[in-house]
Protein backbone atom coordinates (compact mmCIF):
# COMPACT_ATOMS: atom_id res chain seq x y z
CA MET A 1 0.00 0.00 0.00
CA LYS A 2 1.17 3.50 -0.74
CA TYR A 3 0.74 6.56 1.45
CA THR A 4 -1.90 8.54 -0.41
CA LYS A 5 -4.79 10.82 0.47
CA HIS A 6 -7.11 8.08 -0.82
CA LEU A 7 -5.68 5.61 1.71
CA LEU A 8 -6.14 8.16 4.50
CA ASN A 9 -9.77 8.63 3.42
CA LYS A 10 -10.37 4.86 3.50
CA LEU A 11 -8.95 4.65 7.03
CA GLU A 12 -11.09 7.59 8.15
CA ASP A 13 -14.12 5.86 6.61
CA ILE A 14 -13.57 2.85 8.89
CA PHE A 15 -13.63 5.18 11.89
CA SER A 16 -16.80 6.88 10.66
CA GLU A 17 -18.60 3.50 10.58
CA SER A 18 -17.22 2.36 13.93
CA GLU A 19 -18.12 3.44 17.44
CA TYR A 20 -14.83 5.38 17.71
CA VAL A 21 -14.74 9.10 17.00
CA LEU A 22 -11.66 10.30 15.13
CA ARG A 23 -10.42 13.83 15.77
CA TYR A 24 -7.40 15.74 14.53
CA GLU A 25 -6.10 18.18 17.13
CA LYS A 26 -2.84 19.76 18.17
CA GLY A 27 -0.99 18.15 20.99
CA ASN A 28 2.33 16.72 21.99
CA PHE A 29 1.37 13.07 22.22
CA GLN A 30 4.33 10.74 22.76
CA SER A 31 3.26 8.44 19.92
CA GLY A 32 1.49 11.03 17.75
CA TYR A 33 -1.95 9.98 18.89
CA CYS A 34 -4.05 9.43 21.98
CA ILE A 35 -6.85 6.93 22.53
CA LEU A 36 -9.51 7.60 25.13
CA LYS A 37 -10.92 4.08 25.34
CA ASP A 38 -13.69 4.79 27.85
CA THR A 39 -15.19 7.46 25.62
CA LYS A 40 -14.07 5.77 22.36
CA ILE A 41 -12.27 8.79 20.99
CA ALA A 42 -9.05 8.63 18.96
CA ILE A 43 -7.08 11.87 18.64
CA VAL A 44 -4.30 12.27 16.07
CA ASN A 45 -1.84 15.15 15.91
CA LYS A 46 -3.19 17.40 13.15
CA TYR A 47 0.29 18.70 12.29
CA PHE A 48 1.56 15.26 11.29
CA PRO A 49 2.38 14.75 7.60
CA LEU A 50 0.24 12.39 5.54
CA ASP A 51 2.38 9.31 6.21
CA GLY A 52 2.42 10.04 9.94
CA LYS A 53 -1.38 10.27 10.07
CA ILE A 54 -1.75 7.02 8.13
CA ASN A 55 0.71 5.22 10.42
CA CYS A 56 -1.15 6.49 13.49
CA LEU A 57 -4.54 5.38 12.17
CA VAL A 58 -3.22 1.93 11.29
CA GLU A 59 -1.67 1.55 14.75
CA ILE A 60 -4.94 2.63 16.37
CA LEU A 61 -6.99 0.20 14.28
CA LYS A 62 -4.62 -2.62 15.21
CA SER A 63 -4.78 -1.79 18.93
CA VAL A 64 -8.52 -1.28 19.50
CA GLU A 65 -11.39 -3.75 19.36
CA LEU A 66 -13.92 -2.71 16.71
CA ASP A 67 -17.38 -4.17 16.25
CA THR A 68 -16.97 -5.34 12.64
CA SER A 69 -20.68 -6.06 12.33
CA LYS A 70 -21.25 -2.31 12.05
CA LEU A 71 -18.79 -1.97 9.15
CA SER A 72 -19.70 -2.26 5.51
CA GLU A 73 -18.40 -5.33 3.67
CA LYS A 74 -15.85 -3.19 1.83
CA ASN A 75 -14.48 -1.69 5.06
CA ARG A 76 -14.51 -5.07 6.80
CA LYS A 77 -12.29 -6.53 4.06
CA PHE A 78 -10.02 -3.48 4.15
CA LEU A 79 -9.66 -3.73 7.94
CA LEU A 80 -8.73 -7.40 7.63
CA GLU A 81 -6.17 -6.49 4.96
CA ILE A 82 -4.67 -3.80 7.19
CA SER A 83 -4.42 -6.11 10.18
CA GLN A 84 -2.46 -8.65 8.11
CA THR A 85 0.03 -6.29 6.47
CA ASN A 86 2.65 -3.79 7.51
CA LEU A 87 2.70 -0.48 5.65
CA GLN A 88 5.93 0.48 3.96
CA LEU A 89 6.96 3.48 1.92
């Protein structure tokens, strides 16, 4: 997979169908993002470049439990694909 705006949009689409809320805000997070699991909010540093945002979203998706029954078939397949691969430039 390549780091493109289209890939970022696909990752954001998974969040929009899940119970997690994705927000881009400024902050000095150690890893570039912060997950508030009790409130199901994922916050990514808005000043990150495109590849940084994509890496953060992939890490978040790999670390949280999502209810895949709420996802469309297309997003379910994409999530499975993400969980089985490592992104590289």
